[in-house]
Amino acid sequence: MRWFSLCLALCAVLGAQAPLHVVAVERRGPPPYEPGDRIYCLDGAQEQGLHVGDRLIVKRAGDLRTLGYAYVTGLRGAQAETRFEPKEALYPMKGDLAFPALPTWVPKARALNVDPIPAAPAPMMTSAAPPREGILYFLPQQGELSPAGVKKLEAWVKAWGRAGRWAVQVPSDKATPALQKQRAESLQAALRALGVAQAAVEAEPRSADSKFDPTWIRHWD
């Protein structure tokens, strides 16, 4: 009975969160305009509790599937600017819905304790906050960062701050070891020029819907 009451309370919390809406899709920088370069503007800002680095779940009205995740990169007036990481081969449109990402854990029901002296429950593990992320594209077989890529880095460093932990993610499945090393060093050098003292290199397999080779810039507070 207590578990049923807890489920009802959790459902009430989820239902109370009003979704935000995608109100504009902007393309910035020089062509070609890749899906990862688009800025998705939401009808909400700090008044709705949003902060730079927040992650939101994006859905389409009437569809239970999750399109992907929007990461807040800036707050402008009454709107939030976000970058989108797709989960499927679909991208947001005006009118789509964005919900704050909820904790992935669900409280466990405690078994009845027949011992007259109840044992203290074990402390609950807490997960680290997800990093802020930005995506950059390299031309096939190219290892140097383009001027447009440098401008994106400047904007992220300005928005996120030079402090904290930085990493460059250069997927191993998109480049030879030599090209992967060249791209990582190019990104690290550009970050050092912007005042970021150190950026680790990550090489986990990862992909994005593009004809160019993606790399990711990651930042933790």
N, C-alpha and C. Protein backbone atom coordinates (compact mmCIF):
# COMPACT_ATOMS: atom_id res chain seq x y z
N MET A 1 0.83 -1.20 0.00
CA MET A 1 0.00 0.00 0.00
C MET A 1 0.87 1.25 0.00
N ARG A 2 1.96 1.21 0.80
CA ARG A 2 2.85 2.39 0.84
C ARG A 2 3.52 2.58 -0.51
N TRP A 3 3.87 1.48 -1.18
CA TRP A 3 4.51 1.59 -2.51
C TRP A 3 3.54 2.18 -3.51
N PHE A 4 2.24 1.79 -3.43
CA PHE A 4 1.23 2.35 -4.34
C PHE A 4 1.10 3.86 -4.13
N SER A 5 1.10 4.30 -2.87
CA SER A 5 1.01 5.73 -2.58
C SER A 5 2.21 6.49 -3.11
N LEU A 6 3.39 5.87 -3.01
CA LEU A 6 4.59 6.51 -3.51
C LEU A 6 4.53 6.67 -5.02
N CYS A 7 4.01 5.66 -5.73
CA CYS A 7 3.86 5.75 -7.19
C CYS A 7 2.92 6.89 -7.57
N LEU A 8 1.80 7.02 -6.83
CA LEU A 8 0.87 8.11 -7.11
C LEU A 8 1.53 9.46 -6.94
N ALA A 9 2.34 9.60 -5.88
CA ALA A 9 3.02 10.87 -5.64
C ALA A 9 4.01 11.18 -6.75
N LEU A 10 4.74 10.16 -7.21
CA LEU A 10 5.70 10.38 -8.28
C LEU A 10 5.01 10.78 -9.57
N CYS A 11 3.91 10.15 -9.89
CA CYS A 11 3.15 10.52 -11.08
C CYS A 11 2.65 11.95 -11.01
N ALA A 12 2.23 12.37 -9.81
CA ALA A 12 1.76 13.75 -9.65
C ALA A 12 2.86 14.75 -9.92
N VAL A 13 4.10 14.42 -9.49
CA VAL A 13 5.23 15.32 -9.73
C VAL A 13 5.52 15.43 -11.21
N LEU A 14 5.52 14.28 -11.92
CA LEU A 14 5.80 14.30 -13.35
C LEU A 14 4.73 15.07 -14.11
N GLY A 15 3.50 14.89 -13.74
CA GLY A 15 2.43 15.57 -14.44
C GLY A 15 2.41 17.07 -14.20
N ALA A 16 3.00 17.51 -13.10
CA ALA A 16 2.96 18.94 -12.77
C ALA A 16 3.96 19.74 -13.57
N GLN A 17 4.91 19.10 -14.24
CA GLN A 17 5.93 19.82 -14.98
C GLN A 17 5.39 20.18 -16.35
N ALA A 18 5.12 21.46 -16.58
CA ALA A 18 4.61 21.91 -17.87
C ALA A 18 5.75 21.90 -18.89
N PRO A 19 5.50 21.38 -20.10
CA PRO A 19 6.58 21.34 -21.09
C PRO A 19 6.86 22.71 -21.68
N LEU A 20 8.08 22.90 -22.16
CA LEU A 20 8.43 24.05 -22.96
C LEU A 20 8.21 23.70 -24.43
N HIS A 21 8.22 24.71 -25.28
CA HIS A 21 7.97 24.50 -26.70
C HIS A 21 9.14 25.03 -27.52
N VAL A 22 9.42 24.32 -28.62
CA VAL A 22 10.39 24.83 -29.59
C VAL A 22 9.69 25.94 -30.39
N VAL A 23 10.19 27.16 -30.28
CA VAL A 23 9.54 28.30 -30.94
C VAL A 23 10.31 28.78 -32.16
N ALA A 24 11.56 28.35 -32.32
CA ALA A 24 12.34 28.78 -33.49
C ALA A 24 13.51 27.83 -33.68
N VAL A 25 13.91 27.67 -34.94
CA VAL A 25 15.09 26.89 -35.29
C VAL A 25 16.00 27.80 -36.11
N GLU A 26 17.19 28.07 -35.59
CA GLU A 26 18.10 29.01 -36.24
C GLU A 26 19.31 28.28 -36.79
N ARG A 27 19.78 28.73 -37.94
CA ARG A 27 21.01 28.22 -38.53
C ARG A 27 22.07 29.30 -38.46
N ARG A 28 23.20 28.97 -37.88
CA ARG A 28 24.26 29.95 -37.70
C ARG A 28 25.56 29.46 -38.32
N GLY A 29 26.45 30.40 -38.61
CA GLY A 29 27.74 30.04 -39.16
C GLY A 29 27.66 29.88 -40.67
N PRO A 30 28.77 29.63 -41.29
CA PRO A 30 28.81 29.49 -42.75
C PRO A 30 28.27 28.15 -43.18
N PRO A 31 27.75 28.06 -44.43
CA PRO A 31 27.31 26.76 -44.93
C PRO A 31 28.50 25.84 -45.14
N PRO A 32 28.32 24.49 -45.17
CA PRO A 32 27.00 23.82 -45.18
C PRO A 32 26.38 23.80 -43.80
N TYR A 33 25.06 23.96 -43.76
CA TYR A 33 24.37 23.95 -42.48
C TYR A 33 24.06 22.50 -42.09
N GLU A 34 24.78 22.00 -41.12
CA GLU A 34 24.58 20.63 -40.66
C GLU A 34 23.57 20.61 -39.52
N PRO A 35 22.84 19.49 -39.34
CA PRO A 35 21.86 19.43 -38.24
C PRO A 35 22.45 19.76 -36.88
N GLY A 36 23.70 19.37 -36.64
CA GLY A 36 24.31 19.64 -35.34
C GLY A 36 24.64 21.10 -35.10
N ASP A 37 24.61 21.94 -36.17
CA ASP A 37 24.91 23.36 -36.03
C ASP A 37 23.67 24.19 -35.71
N ARG A 38 22.50 23.59 -35.75
CA ARG A 38 21.28 24.36 -35.55
C ARG A 38 21.09 24.73 -34.07
N ILE A 39 20.49 25.88 -33.86
CA ILE A 39 20.12 26.35 -32.52
C ILE A 39 18.61 26.25 -32.40
N TYR A 40 18.14 25.56 -31.35
CA TYR A 40 16.70 25.42 -31.11
C TYR A 40 16.32 26.31 -29.93
N CYS A 41 15.43 27.25 -30.19
CA CYS A 41 15.02 28.22 -29.16
C CYS A 41 13.74 27.72 -28.47
N LEU A 42 13.75 27.75 -27.14
CA LEU A 42 12.60 27.32 -26.34
C LEU A 42 11.94 28.52 -25.69
N ASP A 43 10.63 28.42 -25.44
CA ASP A 43 9.89 29.53 -24.83
C ASP A 43 10.04 29.48 -23.31
N GLY A 44 11.24 29.55 -22.84
CA GLY A 44 11.48 29.55 -21.41
C GLY A 44 12.91 29.94 -21.12
N ALA A 45 13.16 30.52 -19.95
CA ALA A 45 14.51 30.92 -19.56
C ALA A 45 14.64 30.70 -18.06
N GLN A 46 15.35 31.62 -17.39
CA GLN A 46 15.58 31.45 -15.96
C GLN A 46 14.28 31.48 -15.16
N GLU A 47 13.25 32.16 -15.69
CA GLU A 47 11.98 32.20 -14.97
C GLU A 47 11.38 30.80 -14.83
N GLN A 48 11.72 29.91 -15.77
CA GLN A 48 11.24 28.53 -15.69
C GLN A 48 12.29 27.61 -15.05
N GLY A 49 13.32 28.20 -14.45
CA GLY A 49 14.31 27.41 -13.74
C GLY A 49 15.40 26.83 -14.61
N LEU A 50 15.56 27.31 -15.86
CA LEU A 50 16.59 26.78 -16.74
C LEU A 50 17.93 27.44 -16.47
N HIS A 51 19.00 26.66 -16.66
CA HIS A 51 20.36 27.16 -16.53
C HIS A 51 21.20 26.58 -17.65
N VAL A 52 22.27 27.27 -17.99
CA VAL A 52 23.17 26.78 -19.02
C VAL A 52 23.72 25.41 -18.58
N GLY A 53 23.67 24.45 -19.50
CA GLY A 53 24.11 23.09 -19.20
C GLY A 53 22.98 22.13 -18.88
N ASP A 54 21.76 22.64 -18.63
CA ASP A 54 20.63 21.76 -18.34
C ASP A 54 20.32 20.87 -19.55
N ARG A 55 19.84 19.67 -19.27
CA ARG A 55 19.44 18.73 -20.32
C ARG A 55 17.93 18.56 -20.30
N LEU A 56 17.30 18.58 -21.48
CA LEU A 56 15.86 18.41 -21.59
C LEU A 56 15.56 17.29 -22.58
N ILE A 57 14.46 16.59 -22.32
CA ILE A 57 14.00 15.53 -23.21
C ILE A 57 13.04 16.14 -24.23
N VAL A 58 13.27 15.85 -25.51
CA VAL A 58 12.46 16.44 -26.58
C VAL A 58 11.53 15.37 -27.15
N LYS A 59 10.24 15.70 -27.22
CA LYS A 59 9.22 14.80 -27.76
C LYS A 59 8.33 15.57 -28.73
N ARG A 60 7.58 14.84 -29.50
CA ARG A 60 6.60 15.43 -30.40
C ARG A 60 5.21 15.18 -29.81
N ALA A 61 4.34 16.16 -29.90
CA ALA A 61 3.00 16.03 -29.32
C ALA A 61 2.29 14.81 -29.90
N GLY A 62 1.73 14.01 -29.01
CA GLY A 62 1.02 12.82 -29.43
C GLY A 62 1.89 11.62 -29.74
N ASP A 63 3.21 11.74 -29.53
CA ASP A 63 4.15 10.65 -29.83
C ASP A 63 4.92 10.33 -28.55
N LEU A 64 4.91 9.07 -28.15
CA LEU A 64 5.57 8.67 -26.91
C LEU A 64 7.08 8.55 -27.05
N ARG A 65 7.60 8.50 -28.28
CA ARG A 65 9.04 8.35 -28.47
C ARG A 65 9.80 9.60 -28.05
N THR A 66 11.03 9.41 -27.63
CA THR A 66 11.93 10.51 -27.33
C THR A 66 12.75 10.81 -28.59
N LEU A 67 12.66 12.05 -29.09
CA LEU A 67 13.43 12.42 -30.29
C LEU A 67 14.91 12.52 -29.96
N GLY A 68 15.24 12.99 -28.76
CA GLY A 68 16.63 13.18 -28.36
C GLY A 68 16.69 14.11 -27.16
N TYR A 69 17.85 14.76 -26.99
CA TYR A 69 18.08 15.60 -25.82
C TYR A 69 18.56 16.99 -26.26
N ALA A 70 18.00 18.01 -25.64
CA ALA A 70 18.40 19.40 -25.89
C ALA A 70 19.24 19.88 -24.70
N TYR A 71 20.39 20.46 -24.98
CA TYR A 71 21.29 20.96 -23.95
C TYR A 71 21.29 22.50 -24.01
N VAL A 72 20.98 23.14 -22.89
CA VAL A 72 20.90 24.60 -22.85
C VAL A 72 22.30 25.19 -22.97
N THR A 73 22.51 26.02 -24.01
CA THR A 73 23.81 26.66 -24.23
C THR A 73 23.78 28.16 -23.94
N GLY A 74 22.58 28.74 -23.78
CA GLY A 74 22.51 30.17 -23.50
C GLY A 74 21.10 30.58 -23.17
N LEU A 75 20.96 31.67 -22.44
CA LEU A 75 19.66 32.24 -22.08
C LEU A 75 19.58 33.63 -22.67
N ARG A 76 18.52 33.89 -23.44
CA ARG A 76 18.38 35.16 -24.15
C ARG A 76 16.97 35.69 -23.92
N GLY A 77 16.87 36.71 -23.04
CA GLY A 77 15.55 37.26 -22.73
C GLY A 77 14.67 36.19 -22.12
N ALA A 78 13.50 35.98 -22.73
CA ALA A 78 12.56 34.98 -22.24
C ALA A 78 12.71 33.65 -22.95
N GLN A 79 13.81 33.47 -23.67
CA GLN A 79 14.02 32.22 -24.40
C GLN A 79 15.34 31.58 -24.01
N ALA A 80 15.40 30.26 -24.21
CA ALA A 80 16.63 29.50 -23.99
C ALA A 80 17.13 28.97 -25.32
N GLU A 81 18.43 29.09 -25.56
CA GLU A 81 19.05 28.52 -26.75
C GLU A 81 19.59 27.14 -26.41
N THR A 82 19.33 26.17 -27.27
CA THR A 82 19.78 24.80 -27.01
C THR A 82 20.39 24.19 -28.26
N ARG A 83 21.26 23.20 -28.02
CA ARG A 83 21.75 22.35 -29.10
C ARG A 83 21.17 20.95 -28.90
N PHE A 84 20.91 20.27 -30.02
CA PHE A 84 20.15 19.03 -29.98
C PHE A 84 21.04 17.84 -30.30
N GLU A 85 20.89 16.78 -29.49
CA GLU A 85 21.56 15.51 -29.75
C GLU A 85 20.48 14.47 -30.04
N PRO A 86 20.40 14.00 -31.31
CA PRO A 86 19.28 13.10 -31.67
C PRO A 86 19.44 11.71 -31.08
N LYS A 87 18.30 11.10 -30.83
CA LYS A 87 18.27 9.70 -30.40
C LYS A 87 17.91 8.81 -31.59
N GLU A 88 17.10 9.36 -32.50
CA GLU A 88 16.73 8.69 -33.73
C GLU A 88 17.04 9.64 -34.88
N ALA A 89 16.65 9.24 -36.08
CA ALA A 89 16.94 10.07 -37.27
C ALA A 89 15.87 11.14 -37.44
N LEU A 90 15.47 11.77 -36.36
CA LEU A 90 14.48 12.84 -36.39
C LEU A 90 15.02 14.05 -35.65
N TYR A 91 14.65 15.25 -36.12
CA TYR A 91 15.09 16.47 -35.49
C TYR A 91 13.87 17.32 -35.12
N PRO A 92 13.98 18.17 -34.10
CA PRO A 92 12.82 18.95 -33.65
C PRO A 92 12.32 19.92 -34.71
N MET A 93 11.03 20.25 -34.58
CA MET A 93 10.41 21.28 -35.38
C MET A 93 9.72 22.26 -34.43
N LYS A 94 9.31 23.40 -34.97
CA LYS A 94 8.56 24.36 -34.16
C LYS A 94 7.31 23.67 -33.61
N GLY A 95 7.07 23.87 -32.34
CA GLY A 95 5.91 23.28 -31.70
C GLY A 95 6.19 22.01 -30.93
N ASP A 96 7.37 21.40 -31.15
CA ASP A 96 7.72 20.20 -30.39
C ASP A 96 7.94 20.55 -28.91
N LEU A 97 7.90 19.56 -28.05
CA LEU A 97 7.88 19.76 -26.61
C LEU A 97 9.23 19.38 -26.00
N ALA A 98 9.62 20.12 -24.95
CA ALA A 98 10.86 19.84 -24.23
C ALA A 98 10.54 19.75 -22.74
N PHE A 99 10.93 18.64 -22.12
CA PHE A 99 10.68 18.41 -20.70
C PHE A 99 12.01 18.34 -19.95
N PRO A 100 12.11 18.93 -18.77
CA PRO A 100 13.34 18.77 -17.97
C PRO A 100 13.62 17.29 -17.74
N ALA A 101 14.88 16.91 -17.90
CA ALA A 101 15.27 15.51 -17.69
C ALA A 101 15.08 15.15 -16.22
N LEU A 102 14.42 14.05 -15.96
CA LEU A 102 14.12 13.62 -14.59
C LEU A 102 15.14 12.61 -14.13
N PRO A 103 15.29 12.41 -12.84
CA PRO A 103 16.22 11.39 -12.35
C PRO A 103 15.87 10.02 -12.92
N THR A 104 16.91 9.24 -13.23
CA THR A 104 16.69 7.93 -13.82
C THR A 104 16.41 6.86 -12.77
N TRP A 105 16.54 7.19 -11.47
CA TRP A 105 16.31 6.18 -10.47
C TRP A 105 14.88 6.25 -9.95
N VAL A 106 14.37 5.14 -9.47
CA VAL A 106 13.05 5.06 -8.83
C VAL A 106 13.26 4.50 -7.44
N PRO A 107 12.70 5.13 -6.42
CA PRO A 107 12.91 4.63 -5.06
C PRO A 107 12.47 3.18 -4.92
N LYS A 108 13.30 2.40 -4.24
CA LYS A 108 12.98 0.99 -4.02
C LYS A 108 12.06 0.84 -2.81
N ALA A 109 11.12 -0.10 -2.92
CA ALA A 109 10.22 -0.38 -1.79
C ALA A 109 11.00 -1.14 -0.72
N ARG A 110 10.90 -0.67 0.50
CA ARG A 110 11.59 -1.33 1.62
C ARG A 110 10.79 -2.55 2.07
N ALA A 111 11.50 -3.65 2.25
CA ALA A 111 10.84 -4.86 2.76
C ALA A 111 10.45 -4.66 4.22
N LEU A 112 9.39 -5.36 4.61
CA LEU A 112 8.97 -5.29 6.01
C LEU A 112 10.06 -5.88 6.90
N ASN A 113 10.38 -5.18 7.98
CA ASN A 113 11.45 -5.59 8.88
C ASN A 113 10.82 -6.13 10.16
N VAL A 114 11.01 -7.42 10.37
CA VAL A 114 10.42 -8.02 11.57
C VAL A 114 11.33 -7.86 12.78
N ASP A 115 12.55 -7.40 12.57
CA ASP A 115 13.46 -7.17 13.69
C ASP A 115 12.96 -5.96 14.49
N PRO A 116 12.86 -6.05 15.80
CA PRO A 116 12.36 -4.91 16.59
C PRO A 116 13.29 -3.70 16.52
N ILE A 117 14.56 -3.91 16.17
CA ILE A 117 15.50 -2.79 16.03
C ILE A 117 15.85 -2.67 14.55
N PRO A 118 15.20 -1.75 13.81
CA PRO A 118 15.45 -1.67 12.36
C PRO A 118 16.87 -1.20 12.07
N ALA A 119 17.44 -1.82 11.04
CA ALA A 119 18.78 -1.42 10.61
C ALA A 119 18.70 -0.12 9.82
N ALA A 120 19.76 0.69 9.92
CA ALA A 120 19.80 1.94 9.17
C ALA A 120 19.94 1.65 7.69
N PRO A 121 19.15 2.34 6.82
CA PRO A 121 19.25 2.08 5.37
C PRO A 121 20.59 2.57 4.83
N ALA A 122 21.07 1.87 3.81
CA ALA A 122 22.33 2.26 3.17
C ALA A 122 22.15 3.60 2.46
N PRO A 123 23.19 4.43 2.45
CA PRO A 123 23.06 5.72 1.75
C PRO A 123 22.81 5.52 0.27
N MET A 124 21.97 6.39 -0.29
CA MET A 124 21.61 6.30 -1.70
C MET A 124 22.73 6.91 -2.55
N MET A 125 23.12 6.21 -3.60
CA MET A 125 24.15 6.70 -4.49
C MET A 125 23.58 7.83 -5.34
N THR A 126 24.36 8.85 -5.57
CA THR A 126 23.95 9.97 -6.43
C THR A 126 24.80 9.96 -7.68
N SER A 127 24.17 10.20 -8.83
CA SER A 127 24.88 10.22 -10.11
C SER A 127 25.41 11.62 -10.40
N ALA A 128 26.55 11.66 -11.07
CA ALA A 128 27.15 12.95 -11.43
C ALA A 128 26.31 13.64 -12.49
N ALA A 129 26.31 14.96 -12.46
CA ALA A 129 25.57 15.73 -13.46
C ALA A 129 26.18 15.51 -14.83
N PRO A 130 25.35 15.43 -15.89
CA PRO A 130 25.90 15.22 -17.23
C PRO A 130 26.70 16.44 -17.68
N PRO A 131 27.68 16.23 -18.54
CA PRO A 131 28.48 17.37 -19.00
C PRO A 131 27.72 18.21 -20.01
N ARG A 132 28.15 19.48 -20.12
CA ARG A 132 27.71 20.28 -21.26
C ARG A 132 28.46 19.76 -22.48
N GLU A 133 27.82 19.79 -23.64
CA GLU A 133 28.45 19.26 -24.84
C GLU A 133 28.21 20.18 -26.03
N GLY A 134 29.20 20.24 -26.89
CA GLY A 134 29.09 20.90 -28.18
C GLY A 134 29.71 20.00 -29.23
N ILE A 135 29.18 20.04 -30.45
CA ILE A 135 29.65 19.16 -31.50
C ILE A 135 30.33 19.97 -32.60
N LEU A 136 31.47 19.49 -33.08
CA LEU A 136 32.21 20.09 -34.18
C LEU A 136 32.40 19.03 -35.26
N TYR A 137 32.49 19.48 -36.53
CA TYR A 137 32.66 18.56 -37.64
C TYR A 137 33.97 18.83 -38.37
N PHE A 138 34.67 17.75 -38.72
CA PHE A 138 35.86 17.81 -39.55
C PHE A 138 35.52 17.24 -40.93
N LEU A 139 36.12 17.82 -41.96
CA LEU A 139 36.01 17.24 -43.28
C LEU A 139 36.73 15.89 -43.28
N PRO A 140 36.26 14.93 -44.07
CA PRO A 140 36.95 13.63 -44.12
C PRO A 140 38.44 13.79 -44.44
N GLN A 141 39.26 13.10 -43.69
CA GLN A 141 40.72 13.09 -43.85
C GLN A 141 41.38 14.42 -43.51
N GLN A 142 40.66 15.34 -42.89
CA GLN A 142 41.23 16.61 -42.46
C GLN A 142 41.38 16.63 -40.94
N GLY A 143 42.50 17.20 -40.47
CA GLY A 143 42.75 17.22 -39.04
C GLY A 143 42.83 18.60 -38.42
N GLU A 144 42.74 19.65 -39.24
CA GLU A 144 42.83 21.01 -38.72
C GLU A 144 41.44 21.58 -38.46
N LEU A 145 41.30 22.33 -37.39
CA LEU A 145 40.03 22.94 -37.02
C LEU A 145 39.78 24.15 -37.91
N SER A 146 38.55 24.26 -38.44
CA SER A 146 38.21 25.36 -39.33
C SER A 146 37.99 26.65 -38.54
N PRO A 147 38.04 27.84 -39.21
CA PRO A 147 37.73 29.10 -38.52
C PRO A 147 36.34 29.09 -37.89
N ALA A 148 35.37 28.46 -38.58
CA ALA A 148 34.02 28.39 -37.99
C ALA A 148 34.03 27.56 -36.72
N GLY A 149 34.85 26.49 -36.69
CA GLY A 149 34.96 25.69 -35.48
C GLY A 149 35.59 26.46 -34.34
N VAL A 150 36.59 27.29 -34.64
CA VAL A 150 37.23 28.11 -33.61
C VAL A 150 36.22 29.07 -33.00
N LYS A 151 35.35 29.66 -33.83
CA LYS A 151 34.33 30.59 -33.31
C LYS A 151 33.36 29.87 -32.38
N LYS A 152 33.02 28.62 -32.72
CA LYS A 152 32.14 27.87 -31.83
C LYS A 152 32.82 27.62 -30.49
N LEU A 153 34.09 27.26 -30.51
CA LEU A 153 34.82 27.05 -29.26
C LEU A 153 34.83 28.32 -28.42
N GLU A 154 35.08 29.46 -29.06
CA GLU A 154 35.09 30.74 -28.33
C GLU A 154 33.76 30.96 -27.62
N ALA A 155 32.65 30.67 -28.32
CA ALA A 155 31.33 30.89 -27.72
C ALA A 155 31.10 29.95 -26.54
N TRP A 156 31.54 28.69 -26.65
CA TRP A 156 31.33 27.74 -25.55
C TRP A 156 32.19 28.09 -24.34
N VAL A 157 33.44 28.46 -24.58
CA VAL A 157 34.31 28.83 -23.45
C VAL A 157 33.74 30.07 -22.74
N LYS A 158 33.23 31.01 -23.51
CA LYS A 158 32.64 32.21 -22.91
C LYS A 158 31.40 31.87 -22.10
N ALA A 159 30.57 30.94 -22.61
CA ALA A 159 29.32 30.59 -21.93
C ALA A 159 29.56 29.68 -20.73
N TRP A 160 30.51 28.76 -20.82
CA TRP A 160 30.72 27.76 -19.76
C TRP A 160 31.80 28.15 -18.77
N GLY A 161 32.71 29.06 -19.15
CA GLY A 161 33.80 29.43 -18.26
C GLY A 161 35.01 28.54 -18.47
N ARG A 162 36.20 29.09 -18.20
CA ARG A 162 37.43 28.34 -18.44
C ARG A 162 37.71 27.28 -17.37
N ALA A 163 37.12 27.46 -16.18
CA ALA A 163 37.37 26.53 -15.08
C ALA A 163 36.62 25.23 -15.31
N GLY A 164 36.74 24.31 -14.36
CA GLY A 164 36.08 23.02 -14.47
C GLY A 164 36.92 22.02 -15.25
N ARG A 165 36.30 20.93 -15.62
CA ARG A 165 36.99 19.85 -16.34
C ARG A 165 36.54 19.82 -17.78
N TRP A 166 37.50 19.80 -18.70
CA TRP A 166 37.23 19.80 -20.14
C TRP A 166 37.74 18.50 -20.75
N ALA A 167 37.08 18.09 -21.84
CA ALA A 167 37.53 16.91 -22.59
C ALA A 167 37.17 17.10 -24.05
N VAL A 168 37.98 16.52 -24.93
CA VAL A 168 37.66 16.46 -26.35
C VAL A 168 37.41 15.00 -26.68
N GLN A 169 36.31 14.73 -27.35
CA GLN A 169 35.94 13.36 -27.68
C GLN A 169 36.08 13.17 -29.19
N VAL A 170 37.06 12.36 -29.57
CA VAL A 170 37.36 12.11 -30.98
C VAL A 170 37.11 10.62 -31.21
N PRO A 171 35.93 10.24 -31.72
CA PRO A 171 35.58 8.82 -31.83
C PRO A 171 36.61 8.05 -32.66
N SER A 172 36.99 6.88 -32.17
CA SER A 172 38.00 6.07 -32.83
C SER A 172 37.49 5.44 -34.11
N ASP A 173 36.16 5.34 -34.27
CA ASP A 173 35.63 4.69 -35.47
C ASP A 173 35.50 5.64 -36.64
N LYS A 174 35.90 6.91 -36.49
CA LYS A 174 35.77 7.89 -37.55
C LYS A 174 37.11 8.35 -38.12
N ALA A 175 38.24 7.83 -37.62
CA ALA A 175 39.53 8.31 -38.09
C ALA A 175 40.59 7.27 -37.80
N THR A 176 41.65 7.31 -38.60
CA THR A 176 42.81 6.47 -38.31
C THR A 176 43.47 6.97 -37.03
N PRO A 177 44.30 6.16 -36.38
CA PRO A 177 44.96 6.63 -35.16
C PRO A 177 45.74 7.92 -35.36
N ALA A 178 46.42 8.06 -36.51
CA ALA A 178 47.19 9.28 -36.75
C ALA A 178 46.29 10.49 -36.92
N LEU A 179 45.18 10.33 -37.68
CA LEU A 179 44.25 11.44 -37.89
C LEU A 179 43.50 11.76 -36.59
N GLN A 180 43.16 10.73 -35.84
CA GLN A 180 42.50 10.94 -34.54
C GLN A 180 43.40 11.77 -33.61
N LYS A 181 44.69 11.44 -33.57
CA LYS A 181 45.64 12.18 -32.74
C LYS A 181 45.78 13.63 -33.22
N GLN A 182 45.81 13.83 -34.54
CA GLN A 182 45.93 15.19 -35.07
C GLN A 182 44.72 16.04 -34.71
N ARG A 183 43.53 15.47 -34.81
CA ARG A 183 42.32 16.23 -34.49
C ARG A 183 42.27 16.56 -33.00
N ALA A 184 42.63 15.59 -32.16
CA ALA A 184 42.63 15.84 -30.72
C ALA A 184 43.61 16.96 -30.37
N GLU A 185 44.81 16.92 -30.95
CA GLU A 185 45.80 17.96 -30.66
C GLU A 185 45.35 19.32 -31.18
N SER A 186 44.67 19.34 -32.33
CA SER A 186 44.16 20.60 -32.87
C SER A 186 43.12 21.22 -31.94
N LEU A 187 42.22 20.38 -31.39
CA LEU A 187 41.20 20.88 -30.46
C LEU A 187 41.83 21.33 -29.14
N GLN A 188 42.78 20.56 -28.63
CA GLN A 188 43.44 20.94 -27.38
C GLN A 188 44.19 22.26 -27.54
N ALA A 189 44.87 22.45 -28.67
CA ALA A 189 45.61 23.69 -28.88
C ALA A 189 44.67 24.89 -28.96
N ALA A 190 43.52 24.71 -29.64
CA ALA A 190 42.55 25.81 -29.73
C ALA A 190 41.99 26.15 -28.36
N LEU A 191 41.74 25.16 -27.52
CA LEU A 191 41.23 25.43 -26.17
C LEU A 191 42.29 26.12 -25.31
N ARG A 192 43.55 25.71 -25.45
CA ARG A 192 44.62 26.39 -24.68
C ARG A 192 44.72 27.85 -25.09
N ALA A 193 44.56 28.12 -26.38
CA ALA A 193 44.61 29.51 -26.85
C ALA A 193 43.47 30.35 -26.28
N LEU A 194 42.38 29.69 -25.88
CA LEU A 194 41.23 30.39 -25.29
C LEU A 194 41.28 30.41 -23.76
N GLY A 195 42.37 29.90 -23.17
CA GLY A 195 42.54 29.98 -21.73
C GLY A 195 42.19 28.72 -20.97
N VAL A 196 41.85 27.62 -21.66
CA VAL A 196 41.57 26.35 -20.99
C VAL A 196 42.89 25.62 -20.82
N ALA A 197 43.31 25.43 -19.58
CA ALA A 197 44.66 24.91 -19.32
C ALA A 197 44.82 23.48 -19.81
N GLN A 198 43.83 22.64 -19.62
CA GLN A 198 43.98 21.22 -19.95
C GLN A 198 42.66 20.63 -20.39
N ALA A 199 42.71 19.76 -21.40
CA ALA A 199 41.53 19.05 -21.88
C ALA A 199 41.92 17.61 -22.15
N ALA A 200 41.23 16.67 -21.49
CA ALA A 200 41.51 15.26 -21.69
C ALA A 200 41.01 14.80 -23.05
N VAL A 201 41.49 13.65 -23.50
CA VAL A 201 41.08 13.08 -24.79
C VAL A 201 40.28 11.82 -24.53
N GLU A 202 39.09 11.74 -25.12
CA GLU A 202 38.25 10.55 -25.05
C GLU A 202 38.08 9.97 -26.45
N ALA A 203 38.07 8.65 -26.56
CA ALA A 203 38.03 8.02 -27.88
C ALA A 203 36.95 6.96 -28.00
N GLU A 204 35.89 7.06 -27.17
CA GLU A 204 34.84 6.05 -27.24
C GLU A 204 34.09 6.14 -28.57
N PRO A 205 33.65 5.01 -29.13
CA PRO A 205 32.87 5.05 -30.38
C PRO A 205 31.59 5.86 -30.18
N ARG A 206 31.31 6.72 -31.14
CA ARG A 206 30.13 7.57 -31.06
C ARG A 206 29.85 8.10 -32.45
N SER A 207 28.60 8.35 -32.81
CA SER A 207 28.28 8.79 -34.16
C SER A 207 27.22 9.87 -34.13
N ALA A 208 27.12 10.60 -35.23
CA ALA A 208 26.09 11.62 -35.43
C ALA A 208 25.65 11.56 -36.88
N ASP A 209 24.44 12.02 -37.15
CA ASP A 209 23.87 11.95 -38.48
C ASP A 209 24.47 13.05 -39.35
N SER A 210 25.58 12.77 -40.01
CA SER A 210 26.25 13.76 -40.84
C SER A 210 27.21 13.06 -41.80
N LYS A 211 27.45 13.71 -42.94
CA LYS A 211 28.43 13.17 -43.89
C LYS A 211 29.85 13.55 -43.48
N PHE A 212 29.99 14.46 -42.51
CA PHE A 212 31.29 14.85 -42.01
C PHE A 212 31.62 14.07 -40.73
N ASP A 213 32.86 14.17 -40.28
CA ASP A 213 33.30 13.43 -39.09
C ASP A 213 33.07 14.27 -37.83
N PRO A 214 32.24 13.79 -36.89
CA PRO A 214 31.93 14.58 -35.70
C PRO A 214 32.97 14.41 -34.59
N THR A 215 33.15 15.46 -33.83
CA THR A 215 33.89 15.42 -32.57
C THR A 215 33.08 16.21 -31.55
N TRP A 216 33.31 15.92 -30.27
CA TRP A 216 32.52 16.57 -29.22
C TRP A 216 33.46 17.28 -28.23
N ILE A 217 33.02 18.45 -27.78
CA ILE A 217 33.67 19.18 -26.69
C ILE A 217 32.79 19.01 -25.46
N ARG A 218 33.39 18.56 -24.35
CA ARG A 218 32.63 18.26 -23.13
C ARG A 218 33.19 19.06 -21.96
N HIS A 219 32.28 19.53 -21.09
CA HIS A 219 32.69 20.35 -19.95
C HIS A 219 31.86 20.02 -18.72
N TRP A 220 32.57 19.82 -17.62
CA TRP A 220 31.94 19.61 -16.30
C TRP A 220 32.34 20.77 -15.38
N ASP A 221 31.41 21.23 -14.54
CA ASP A 221 31.72 22.27 -13.57
C ASP A 221 32.66 21.73 -12.50
